[in-house]
Each structure stands twice: as C-alpha cells, then as structure tokens.
C-alpha cells in the first residue's frame, strides 16, 4: 500500500499534540517538574498512537483517494480525518494524564 498521504496527514496531526497541552493538570503532591515530565510522557505515547491512526487513514485514502479526488471530496475527507485524529489525540492525552492520577485544573 502506498504511504504518499502519510506525510500530509502527519503534518496536520502533530500540531494537535502541542494543542493537547492547553489543559492545565494538577495532582496532590506533584510539582511543576513532575507534571511537565508526565505530560511529556503522555505526549510521547500519543505520538505513537496518532502515527498508527494516521497510517490507517493513509491506507483508507490510498484505496479511496482517487474516487474522492474525482468527486471533489478529497480535501473535505482529508480535513475531516485530520480533525477526527486531532480530537482522538486530545482524548488520548487526557486519558493518559487521568490514568497517572491527574485532574484538569482551572
């Protein structure tokens, strides 16, 4: 299967990982350095998951991309796929931080 769509999709997804840091996290007894380290760990884990998801999306686009391009829907499909993957990335980071005992703070 071709991976020609992988790089454009990954370029759209990886900025989502930076956006995942907009939530502020707290945990009793955790200092700023511990929070930063745990968040970095979660982001690293999410990168692997996002890459896996992007590869799946790439495979789908490889098989359906020509049809969508001919119908004019390719750009919409790429955008909606990237948006869905960004949303999953945010949830993955949230789940990871909660599993480490953190909760969002105001």
PDB file of N, CA and C in Angstrom:
ATOM      1  N   UNK A   1       0.832  -1.188   0.000  1.00  0.00           N
ATOM      2  CA  UNK A   1       0.000   0.000   0.000  1.00  0.00           C
ATOM      3  C   UNK A   1       0.877   1.252   0.000  1.00  0.00           C
ATOM      4  N   UNK A   2       0.407   2.238  -0.649  1.00  0.00           N
ATOM      5  CA  UNK A   2       1.176   3.471  -0.738  1.00  0.00           C
ATOM      6  C   UNK A   2       1.036   4.306   0.526  1.00  0.00           C
ATOM      7  N   UNK A   3       2.093   5.026   0.845  1.00  0.00           N
ATOM      8  CA  UNK A   3       2.106   5.897   2.022  1.00  0.00           C
ATOM      9  C   UNK A   3       2.210   7.366   1.604  1.00  0.00           C
ATOM     10  N   UNK A   4       1.828   7.673   0.363  1.00  0.00           N
ATOM     11  CA  UNK A   4       2.010   9.038  -0.119  1.00  0.00           C
ATOM     12  C   UNK A   4       1.148  10.048   0.624  1.00  0.00           C
ATOM     13  N   UNK A   5       0.091   9.609   1.276  1.00  0.00           N
ATOM     14  CA  UNK A   5      -0.757  10.519   2.049  1.00  0.00           C
ATOM     15  C   UNK A   5      -0.268  10.653   3.488  1.00  0.00           C
ATOM     16  N   UNK A   6       0.659   9.797   3.908  1.00  0.00           N
ATOM     17  CA  UNK A   6       1.077   9.764   5.311  1.00  0.00           C
ATOM     18  C   UNK A   6       1.670  11.092   5.764  1.00  0.00           C
ATOM     19  N   UNK A   7       2.593  11.639   5.015  1.00  0.00           N
ATOM     20  CA  UNK A   7       3.258  12.864   5.458  1.00  0.00           C
ATOM     21  C   UNK A   7       2.284  14.032   5.580  1.00  0.00           C
ATOM     22  N   UNK A   8       1.415  14.285   4.605  1.00  0.00           N
ATOM     23  CA  UNK A   8       0.464  15.384   4.790  1.00  0.00           C
ATOM     24  C   UNK A   8      -0.438  15.174   6.008  1.00  0.00           C
ATOM     25  N   UNK A   9      -0.865  13.944   6.223  1.00  0.00           N
ATOM     26  CA  UNK A   9      -1.710  13.688   7.387  1.00  0.00           C
ATOM     27  C   UNK A   9      -0.945  13.889   8.683  1.00  0.00           C
ATOM     28  N   UNK A  10       0.280  13.387   8.732  1.00  0.00           N
ATOM     29  CA  UNK A  10       1.071  13.551   9.950  1.00  0.00           C
ATOM     30  C   UNK A  10       1.362  15.019  10.220  1.00  0.00           C
ATOM     31  N   UNK A  11       1.604  15.786   9.167  1.00  0.00           N
ATOM     32  CA  UNK A  11       1.858  17.210   9.364  1.00  0.00           C
ATOM     33  C   UNK A  11       0.633  17.924   9.928  1.00  0.00           C
ATOM     34  N   UNK A  12      -0.548  17.437   9.597  1.00  0.00           N
ATOM     35  CA  UNK A  12      -1.764  18.011  10.151  1.00  0.00           C
ATOM     36  C   UNK A  12      -2.003  17.550  11.586  1.00  0.00           C
ATOM     37  N   UNK A  13      -1.539  16.346  11.930  1.00  0.00           N
ATOM     38  CA  UNK A  13      -1.831  15.770  13.238  1.00  0.00           C
ATOM     39  C   UNK A  13      -0.864  16.189  14.328  1.00  0.00           C
ATOM     40  N   UNK A  14       0.418  16.274  14.043  1.00  0.00           N
ATOM     41  CA  UNK A  14       1.370  16.540  15.103  1.00  0.00           C
ATOM     42  C   UNK A  14       1.167  17.887  15.791  1.00  0.00           C
ATOM     43  N   UNK A  15       0.713  18.938  15.091  1.00  0.00           N
ATOM     44  CA  UNK A  15       0.398  20.153  15.839  1.00  0.00           C
ATOM     45  C   UNK A  15      -0.690  19.934  16.883  1.00  0.00           C
ATOM     46  N   UNK A  16      -1.511  18.932  16.693  1.00  0.00           N
ATOM     47  CA  UNK A  16      -2.552  18.623  17.673  1.00  0.00           C
ATOM     48  C   UNK A  16      -1.946  18.225  18.998  1.00  0.00           C
ATOM     49  N   UNK A  17      -0.787  17.609  18.962  1.00  0.00           N
ATOM     50  CA  UNK A  17      -0.149  17.209  20.210  1.00  0.00           C
ATOM     51  C   UNK A  17       0.260  18.432  21.026  1.00  0.00           C
ATOM     52  N   UNK A  18       0.704  19.463  20.360  1.00  0.00           N
ATOM     53  CA  UNK A  18       1.044  20.687  21.081  1.00  0.00           C
ATOM     54  C   UNK A  18      -0.204  21.314  21.677  1.00  0.00           C
ATOM     55  N   UNK A  19      -1.303  21.239  20.943  1.00  0.00           N
ATOM     56  CA  UNK A  19      -2.563  21.793  21.443  1.00  0.00           C
ATOM     57  C   UNK A  19      -3.072  21.017  22.648  1.00  0.00           C
ATOM     58  N   UNK A  20      -2.647  19.756  22.761  1.00  0.00           N
ATOM     59  CA  UNK A  20      -3.089  18.954  23.897  1.00  0.00           C
ATOM     60  C   UNK A  20      -2.577  19.533  25.214  1.00  0.00           C
ATOM     61  N   UNK A  21      -1.579  20.385  25.148  1.00  0.00           N
ATOM     62  CA  UNK A  21      -1.024  20.956  26.359  1.00  0.00           C
ATOM     63  C   UNK A  21      -1.807  22.150  26.884  1.00  0.00           C
ATOM     64  N   UNK A  22      -2.916  22.507  26.263  1.00  0.00           N
ATOM     65  CA  UNK A  22      -3.668  23.670  26.707  1.00  0.00           C
ATOM     66  C   UNK A  22      -4.404  23.408  28.012  1.00  0.00           C
ATOM     67  N   UNK A  23      -4.636  22.144  28.349  1.00  0.00           N
ATOM     68  CA  UNK A  23      -5.251  21.812  29.627  1.00  0.00           C
ATOM     69  C   UNK A  23      -4.189  21.885  30.703  1.00  0.00           C
ATOM     70  N   UNK A  24      -4.518  22.490  31.815  1.00  0.00           N
ATOM     71  CA  UNK A  24      -3.606  22.535  32.949  1.00  0.00           C
ATOM     72  C   UNK A  24      -3.974  21.389  33.877  1.00  0.00           C
ATOM     73  N   UNK A  25      -2.960  20.644  34.299  1.00  0.00           N
ATOM     74  CA  UNK A  25      -3.175  19.455  35.103  1.00  0.00           C
ATOM     75  C   UNK A  25      -2.636  19.639  36.512  1.00  0.00           C
ATOM     76  N   UNK A  26      -3.274  18.978  37.451  1.00  0.00           N
ATOM     77  CA  UNK A  26      -2.811  19.022  38.833  1.00  0.00           C
ATOM     78  C   UNK A  26      -3.013  17.681  39.512  1.00  0.00           C
ATOM     79  N   UNK A  27      -2.182  17.444  40.511  1.00  0.00           N
ATOM     80  CA  UNK A  27      -2.271  16.221  41.292  1.00  0.00           C
ATOM     81  C   UNK A  27      -1.643  16.525  42.645  1.00  0.00           C
ATOM     82  N   UNK A  28      -2.265  16.052  43.692  1.00  0.00           N
ATOM     83  CA  UNK A  28      -1.736  16.279  45.044  1.00  0.00           C
ATOM     84  C   UNK A  28      -0.305  15.759  45.123  1.00  0.00           C
ATOM     85  N   UNK A  29       0.591  16.612  45.570  1.00  0.00           N
ATOM     86  CA  UNK A  29       1.982  16.235  45.761  1.00  0.00           C
ATOM     87  C   UNK A  29       2.852  16.342  44.524  1.00  0.00           C
ATOM     88  N   UNK A  30       2.261  16.679  43.392  1.00  0.00           N
ATOM     89  CA  UNK A  30       3.042  16.777  42.152  1.00  0.00           C
ATOM     90  C   UNK A  30       3.511  18.213  41.953  1.00  0.00           C
ATOM     91  N   UNK A  31       4.820  18.383  41.770  1.00  0.00           N
ATOM     92  CA  UNK A  31       5.337  19.724  41.487  1.00  0.00           C
ATOM     93  C   UNK A  31       5.338  19.963  39.976  1.00  0.00           C
ATOM     94  N   UNK A  32       5.703  21.166  39.590  1.00  0.00           N
ATOM     95  CA  UNK A  32       5.657  21.549  38.174  1.00  0.00           C
ATOM     96  C   UNK A  32       6.530  20.642  37.314  1.00  0.00           C
ATOM     97  N   UNK A  33       7.705  20.263  37.808  1.00  0.00           N
ATOM     98  CA  UNK A  33       8.602  19.398  37.039  1.00  0.00           C
ATOM     99  C   UNK A  33       7.986  18.016  36.817  1.00  0.00           C
ATOM    100  N   UNK A  34       7.329  17.474  37.831  1.00  0.00           N
ATOM    101  CA  UNK A  34       6.688  16.159  37.707  1.00  0.00           C
ATOM    102  C   UNK A  34       5.537  16.223  36.708  1.00  0.00           C
ATOM    103  N   UNK A  35       4.773  17.288  36.780  1.00  0.00           N
ATOM    104  CA  UNK A  35       3.647  17.454  35.853  1.00  0.00           C
ATOM    105  C   UNK A  35       4.171  17.554  34.420  1.00  0.00           C
ATOM    106  N   UNK A  36       5.208  18.360  34.226  1.00  0.00           N
ATOM    107  CA  UNK A  36       5.805  18.528  32.901  1.00  0.00           C
ATOM    108  C   UNK A  36       6.330  17.199  32.368  1.00  0.00           C
ATOM    109  N   UNK A  37       6.995  16.428  33.221  1.00  0.00           N
ATOM    110  CA  UNK A  37       7.545  15.129  32.802  1.00  0.00           C
ATOM    111  C   UNK A  37       6.427  14.150  32.449  1.00  0.00           C
ATOM    112  N   UNK A  38       5.387  14.102  33.265  1.00  0.00           N
ATOM    113  CA  UNK A  38       4.285  13.190  32.986  1.00  0.00           C
ATOM    114  C   UNK A  38       3.539  13.586  31.716  1.00  0.00           C
ATOM    115  N   UNK A  39       3.360  14.883  31.505  1.00  0.00           N
ATOM    116  CA  UNK A  39       2.703  15.346  30.285  1.00  0.00           C
ATOM    117  C   UNK A  39       3.548  15.009  29.057  1.00  0.00           C
ATOM    118  N   UNK A  40       4.866  15.171  29.162  1.00  0.00           N
ATOM    119  CA  UNK A  40       5.759  14.815  28.056  1.00  0.00           C
ATOM    120  C   UNK A  40       5.687  13.313  27.766  1.00  0.00           C
ATOM    121  N   UNK A  41       5.608  12.505  28.815  1.00  0.00           N
ATOM    122  CA  UNK A  41       5.476  11.057  28.642  1.00  0.00           C
ATOM    123  C   UNK A  41       4.174  10.730  27.914  1.00  0.00           C
ATOM    124  N   UNK A  42       3.091  11.356  28.338  1.00  0.00           N
ATOM    125  CA  UNK A  42       1.802  11.109  27.688  1.00  0.00           C
ATOM    126  C   UNK A  42       1.839  11.524  26.227  1.00  0.00           C
ATOM    127  N   UNK A  43       2.429  12.664  25.944  1.00  0.00           N
ATOM    128  CA  UNK A  43       2.515  13.121  24.551  1.00  0.00           C
ATOM    129  C   UNK A  43       3.332  12.159  23.702  1.00  0.00           C
ATOM    130  N   UNK A  44       4.412  11.623  24.263  1.00  0.00           N
ATOM    131  CA  UNK A  44       5.238  10.663  23.520  1.00  0.00           C
ATOM    132  C   UNK A  44       4.427   9.405  23.205  1.00  0.00           C
ATOM    133  N   UNK A  45       3.635   8.950  24.177  1.00  0.00           N
ATOM    134  CA  UNK A  45       2.790   7.783  23.945  1.00  0.00           C
ATOM    135  C   UNK A  45       1.744   8.074  22.875  1.00  0.00           C
ATOM    136  N   UNK A  46       1.198   9.276  22.931  1.00  0.00           N
ATOM    137  CA  UNK A  46       0.161   9.658  21.971  1.00  0.00           C
ATOM    138  C   UNK A  46       0.736   9.764  20.564  1.00  0.00           C
ATOM    139  N   UNK A  47       1.970  10.214  20.431  1.00  0.00           N
ATOM    140  CA  UNK A  47       2.581  10.291  19.102  1.00  0.00           C
ATOM    141  C   UNK A  47       2.535   8.934  18.411  1.00  0.00           C
ATOM    142  N   UNK A  48       2.834   7.870  19.159  1.00  0.00           N
ATOM    143  CA  UNK A  48       2.807   6.525  18.571  1.00  0.00           C
ATOM    144  C   UNK A  48       1.381   6.150  18.158  1.00  0.00           C
ATOM    145  N   UNK A  49       0.404   6.487  18.995  1.00  0.00           N
ATOM    146  CA  UNK A  49      -0.985   6.181  18.665  1.00  0.00           C
ATOM    147  C   UNK A  49      -1.465   6.987  17.462  1.00  0.00           C
ATOM    148  N   UNK A  50      -1.108   8.248  17.439  1.00  0.00           N
ATOM    149  CA  UNK A  50      -1.513   9.116  16.334  1.00  0.00           C
ATOM    150  C   UNK A  50      -0.874   8.632  15.034  1.00  0.00           C
ATOM    151  N   UNK A  51       0.375   8.218  15.104  1.00  0.00           N
ATOM    152  CA  UNK A  51       1.032   7.707  13.905  1.00  0.00           C
ATOM    153  C   UNK A  51       0.322   6.445  13.413  1.00  0.00           C
ATOM    154  N   UNK A  52      -0.056   5.576  14.351  1.00  0.00           N
ATOM    155  CA  UNK A  52      -0.794   4.364  13.967  1.00  0.00           C
ATOM    156  C   UNK A  52      -2.108   4.742  13.280  1.00  0.00           C
ATOM    157  N   UNK A  53      -2.851   5.673  13.884  1.00  0.00           N
ATOM    158  CA  UNK A  53      -4.118   6.110  13.303  1.00  0.00           C
ATOM    159  C   UNK A  53      -3.908   6.752  11.935  1.00  0.00           C
ATOM    160  N   UNK A  54      -2.856   7.553  11.808  1.00  0.00           N
ATOM    161  CA  UNK A  54      -2.565   8.201  10.526  1.00  0.00           C
ATOM    162  C   UNK A  54      -2.235   7.162   9.460  1.00  0.00           C
ATOM    163  N   UNK A  55      -1.544   6.107   9.848  1.00  0.00           N
ATOM    164  CA  UNK A  55      -1.233   5.045   8.892  1.00  0.00           C
ATOM    165  C   UNK A  55      -2.506   4.339   8.425  1.00  0.00           C
ATOM    166  N   UNK A  56      -3.441   4.122   9.339  1.00  0.00           N
ATOM    167  CA  UNK A  56      -4.722   3.523   8.967  1.00  0.00           C
ATOM    168  C   UNK A  56      -5.466   4.448   8.015  1.00  0.00           C
ATOM    169  N   UNK A  57      -5.504   5.741   8.356  1.00  0.00           N
ATOM    170  CA  UNK A  57      -6.170   6.714   7.485  1.00  0.00           C
ATOM    171  C   UNK A  57      -5.488   6.785   6.122  1.00  0.00           C
ATOM    172  N   UNK A  58      -4.169   6.657   6.117  1.00  0.00           N
ATOM    173  CA  UNK A  58      -3.421   6.666   4.866  1.00  0.00           C
ATOM    174  C   UNK A  58      -3.824   5.497   3.989  1.00  0.00           C
ATOM    175  N   UNK A  59      -3.970   4.340   4.605  1.00  0.00           N
ATOM    176  CA  UNK A  59      -4.399   3.166   3.842  1.00  0.00           C
ATOM    177  C   UNK A  59      -5.797   3.371   3.249  1.00  0.00           C
ATOM    178  N   UNK A  60      -6.680   3.956   4.033  1.00  0.00           N
ATOM    179  CA  UNK A  60      -8.032   4.221   3.535  1.00  0.00           C
ATOM    180  C   UNK A  60      -7.977   5.212   2.375  1.00  0.00           C
ATOM    181  N   UNK A  61      -7.197   6.276   2.540  1.00  0.00           N
ATOM    182  CA  UNK A  61      -7.079   7.265   1.467  1.00  0.00           C
ATOM    183  C   UNK A  61      -6.429   6.674   0.224  1.00  0.00           C
ATOM    184  N   UNK A  62      -5.512   5.730   0.425  1.00  0.00           N
ATOM    185  CA  UNK A  62      -4.849   5.108  -0.723  1.00  0.00           C
ATOM    186  C   UNK A  62      -5.838   4.308  -1.559  1.00  0.00           C
ATOM    187  N   UNK A  63      -6.812   3.706  -0.893  1.00  0.00           N
ATOM    188  CA  UNK A  63      -7.771   2.899  -1.639  1.00  0.00           C
ATOM    189  C   UNK A  63      -8.953   3.718  -2.151  1.00  0.00           C
ATOM    190  N   UNK A  64      -9.325   4.757  -1.422  1.00  0.00           N
ATOM    191  CA  UNK A  64     -10.497   5.552  -1.807  1.00  0.00           C
ATOM    192  C   UNK A  64     -10.139   6.934  -2.337  1.00  0.00           C
ATOM    193  N   UNK A  65      -8.882   7.331  -2.200  1.00  0.00           N
ATOM    194  CA  UNK A  65      -8.467   8.682  -2.565  1.00  0.00           C
ATOM    195  C   UNK A  65      -8.788   9.085  -3.983  1.00  0.00           C
ATOM    196  N   UNK A  66      -8.589   8.178  -4.917  1.00  0.00           N
ATOM    197  CA  UNK A  66      -8.872   8.514  -6.322  1.00  0.00           C
ATOM    198  C   UNK A  66     -10.358   8.798  -6.517  1.00  0.00           C
ATOM    199  N   UNK A  67     -11.209   7.966  -5.912  1.00  0.00           N
ATOM    200  CA  UNK A  67     -12.658   8.195  -6.021  1.00  0.00           C
ATOM    201  C   UNK A  67     -13.032   9.552  -5.436  1.00  0.00           C
ATOM    202  N   UNK A  68     -12.481   9.849  -4.269  1.00  0.00           N
ATOM    203  CA  UNK A  68     -12.797  11.118  -3.615  1.00  0.00           C
ATOM    204  C   UNK A  68     -12.239  12.297  -4.403  1.00  0.00           C
ATOM    205  N   UNK A  69     -11.051  12.120  -4.986  1.00  0.00           N
ATOM    206  CA  UNK A  69     -10.475  13.194  -5.801  1.00  0.00           C
ATOM    207  C   UNK A  69     -11.349  13.469  -7.021  1.00  0.00           C
ATOM    208  N   UNK A  70     -11.812  12.397  -7.660  1.00  0.00           N
ATOM    209  CA  UNK A  70     -12.656  12.564  -8.842  1.00  0.00           C
ATOM    210  C   UNK A  70     -13.991  13.215  -8.496  1.00  0.00           C
ATOM    211  N   UNK A  71     -14.491  12.962  -7.307  1.00  0.00           N
ATOM    212  CA  UNK A  71     -15.773  13.551  -6.907  1.00  0.00           C
ATOM    213  C   UNK A  71     -15.611  14.930  -6.277  1.00  0.00           C
ATOM    214  N   UNK A  72     -14.359  15.340  -6.070  1.00  0.00           N
ATOM    215  CA  UNK A  72     -14.108  16.643  -5.462  1.00  0.00           C
ATOM    216  C   UNK A  72     -14.182  16.641  -3.950  1.00  0.00           C
ATOM    217  N   UNK A  73     -14.256  15.468  -3.353  1.00  0.00           N
ATOM    218  CA  UNK A  73     -14.413  15.369  -1.901  1.00  0.00           C
ATOM    219  C   UNK A  73     -13.111  15.067  -1.170  1.00  0.00           C
ATOM    220  N   UNK A  74     -12.000  14.947  -1.869  1.00  0.00           N
ATOM    221  CA  UNK A  74     -10.752  14.544  -1.235  1.00  0.00           C
ATOM    222  C   UNK A  74     -10.315  15.521  -0.142  1.00  0.00           C
ATOM    223  N   UNK A  75     -10.335  16.801  -0.451  1.00  0.00           N
ATOM    224  CA  UNK A  75      -9.922  17.799   0.546  1.00  0.00           C
ATOM    225  C   UNK A  75     -10.781  17.754   1.794  1.00  0.00           C
ATOM    226  N   UNK A  76     -12.080  17.598   1.607  1.00  0.00           N
ATOM    227  CA  UNK A  76     -13.000  17.511   2.749  1.00  0.00           C
ATOM    228  C   UNK A  76     -12.697  16.266   3.565  1.00  0.00           C
ATOM    229  N   UNK A  77     -12.464  15.140   2.892  1.00  0.00           N
ATOM    230  CA  UNK A  77     -12.154  13.890   3.594  1.00  0.00           C
ATOM    231  C   UNK A  77     -10.851  14.027   4.367  1.00  0.00           C
ATOM    232  N   UNK A  78      -9.832  14.627   3.768  1.00  0.00           N
ATOM    233  CA  UNK A  78      -8.549  14.800   4.457  1.00  0.00           C
ATOM    234  C   UNK A  78      -8.712  15.696   5.680  1.00  0.00           C
ATOM    235  N   UNK A  79      -9.457  16.785   5.536  1.00  0.00           N
ATOM    236  CA  UNK A  79      -9.669  17.702   6.653  1.00  0.00           C
ATOM    237  C   UNK A  79     -10.461  17.053   7.776  1.00  0.00           C
ATOM    238  N   UNK A  80     -11.511  16.325   7.419  1.00  0.00           N
ATOM    239  CA  UNK A  80     -12.329  15.705   8.460  1.00  0.00           C
ATOM    240  C   UNK A  80     -11.573  14.580   9.153  1.00  0.00           C
ATOM    241  N   UNK A  81     -10.759  13.855   8.409  1.00  0.00           N
ATOM    242  CA  UNK A  81      -9.942  12.797   9.011  1.00  0.00           C
ATOM    243  C   UNK A  81      -8.927  13.400   9.971  1.00  0.00           C
ATOM    244  N   UNK A  82      -8.269  14.470   9.554  1.00  0.00           N
ATOM    245  CA  UNK A  82      -7.280  15.123  10.413  1.00  0.00           C
ATOM    246  C   UNK A  82      -7.941  15.685  11.671  1.00  0.00           C
ATOM    247  N   UNK A  83      -9.123  16.273  11.527  1.00  0.00           N
ATOM    248  CA  UNK A  83      -9.837  16.812  12.693  1.00  0.00           C
ATOM    249  C   UNK A  83     -10.227  15.707  13.662  1.00  0.00           C
ATOM    250  N   UNK A  84     -10.685  14.600  13.133  1.00  0.00           N
ATOM    251  CA  UNK A  84     -11.045  13.470  13.996  1.00  0.00           C
ATOM    252  C   UNK A  84      -9.815  12.933  14.714  1.00  0.00           C
ATOM    253  N   UNK A  85      -8.694  12.859  14.018  1.00  0.00           N
ATOM    254  CA  UNK A  85      -7.463  12.368  14.637  1.00  0.00           C
ATOM    255  C   UNK A  85      -6.950  13.337  15.700  1.00  0.00           C
ATOM    256  N   UNK A  86      -7.109  14.643  15.465  1.00  0.00           N
ATOM    257  CA  UNK A  86      -6.716  15.627  16.485  1.00  0.00           C
ATOM    258  C   UNK A  86      -7.560  15.451  17.739  1.00  0.00           C
ATOM    259  N   UNK A  87      -8.856  15.235  17.533  1.00  0.00           N
ATOM    260  CA  UNK A  87      -9.746  15.010  18.671  1.00  0.00           C
ATOM    261  C   UNK A  87      -9.358  13.766  19.447  1.00  0.00           C
ATOM    262  N   UNK A  88      -9.014  12.696  18.733  1.00  0.00           N
ATOM    263  CA  UNK A  88      -8.567  11.477  19.404  1.00  0.00           C
ATOM    264  C   UNK A  88      -7.274  11.727  20.166  1.00  0.00           C
ATOM    265  N   UNK A  89      -6.353  12.496  19.572  1.00  0.00           N
ATOM    266  CA  UNK A  89      -5.083  12.789  20.237  1.00  0.00           C
ATOM    267  C   UNK A  89      -5.327  13.510  21.555  1.00  0.00           C
ATOM    268  N   UNK A  90      -6.238  14.477  21.555  1.00  0.00           N
ATOM    269  CA  UNK A  90      -6.552  15.197  22.789  1.00  0.00           C
ATOM    270  C   UNK A  90      -7.124  14.251  23.836  1.00  0.00           C
ATOM    271  N   UNK A  91      -8.001  13.352  23.410  1.00  0.00           N
ATOM    272  CA  UNK A  91      -8.582  12.385  24.348  1.00  0.00           C
ATOM    273  C   UNK A  91      -7.529  11.421  24.870  1.00  0.00           C
ATOM    274  N   UNK A  92      -6.611  11.003  24.008  1.00  0.00           N
ATOM    275  CA  UNK A  92      -5.546  10.102  24.440  1.00  0.00           C
ATOM    276  C   UNK A  92      -4.693  10.755  25.531  1.00  0.00           C
ATOM    277  N   UNK A  93      -4.331  12.028  25.335  1.00  0.00           N
ATOM    278  CA  UNK A  93      -3.528  12.723  26.340  1.00  0.00           C
ATOM    279  C   UNK A  93      -4.329  12.855  27.630  1.00  0.00           C
ATOM    280  N   UNK A  94      -5.601  13.246  27.521  1.00  0.00           N
ATOM    281  CA  UNK A  94      -6.447  13.357  28.713  1.00  0.00           C
ATOM    282  C   UNK A  94      -6.514  12.029  29.459  1.00  0.00           C
ATOM    283  N   UNK A  95      -6.762  10.951  28.734  1.00  0.00           N
ATOM    284  CA  UNK A  95      -6.850   9.630  29.363  1.00  0.00           C
ATOM    285  C   UNK A  95      -5.544   9.244  30.039  1.00  0.00           C
ATOM    286  N   UNK A  96      -4.439   9.517  29.379  1.00  0.00           N
ATOM    287  CA  UNK A  96      -3.129   9.188  29.935  1.00  0.00           C
ATOM    288  C   UNK A  96      -2.882   9.961  31.231  1.00  0.00           C
ATOM    289  N   UNK A  97      -3.159  11.252  31.219  1.00  0.00           N
ATOM    290  CA  UNK A  97      -2.922  12.065  32.424  1.00  0.00           C
ATOM    291  C   UNK A  97      -3.852  11.637  33.560  1.00  0.00           C
ATOM    292  N   UNK A  98      -5.082  11.331  33.250  1.00  0.00           N
ATOM    293  CA  UNK A  98      -6.009  10.861  34.287  1.00  0.00           C
ATOM    294  C   UNK A  98      -5.544   9.526  34.863  1.00  0.00           C
ATOM    295  N   UNK A  99      -5.016   8.654  34.000  1.00  0.00           N
ATOM    296  CA  UNK A  99      -4.505   7.368  34.466  1.00  0.00           C
ATOM    297  C   UNK A  99      -3.309   7.552  35.402  1.00  0.00           C
ATOM    298  N   UNK A 100      -2.604   8.639  35.249  1.00  0.00           N
ATOM    299  CA  UNK A 100      -1.475   8.950  36.129  1.00  0.00           C
ATOM    300  C   UNK A 100      -1.924   9.654  37.405  1.00  0.00           C
ATOM    301  N   UNK A 101      -3.228   9.846  37.546  1.00  0.00           N
ATOM    302  CA  UNK A 101      -3.768  10.456  38.756  1.00  0.00           C
ATOM    303  C   UNK A 101      -3.995  11.950  38.702  1.00  0.00           C
ATOM    304  N   UNK A 102      -3.885  12.538  37.531  1.00  0.00           N
ATOM    305  CA  UNK A 102      -4.063  13.978  37.385  1.00  0.00           C
ATOM    306  C   UNK A 102      -5.529  14.317  37.096  1.00  0.00           C
ATOM    307  N   UNK A 103      -5.854  15.552  37.359  1.00  0.00           N
ATOM    308  CA  UNK A 103      -7.173  16.098  37.023  1.00  0.00           C
ATOM    309  C   UNK A 103      -6.957  17.487  36.435  1.00  0.00           C
ATOM    310  N   UNK A 104      -7.814  17.887  35.512  1.00  0.00           N
ATOM    311  CA  UNK A 104      -7.709  19.248  34.975  1.00  0.00           C
ATOM    312  C   UNK A 104      -7.905  20.273  36.088  1.00  0.00           C
ATOM    313  N   UNK A 105      -7.158  21.358  36.013  1.00  0.00           N
ATOM    314  CA  UNK A 105      -7.302  22.451  36.970  1.00  0.00           C
ATOM    315  C   UNK A 105      -7.767  23.694  36.232  1.00  0.00           C
ATOM    316  N   UNK A 106      -8.249  24.658  36.956  1.00  0.00           N
ATOM    317  CA  UNK A 106      -8.720  25.880  36.291  1.00  0.00           C
ATOM    318  C   UNK A 106      -7.626  26.874  36.086  1.00  0.00           C
TER     319      UNK A 106
END
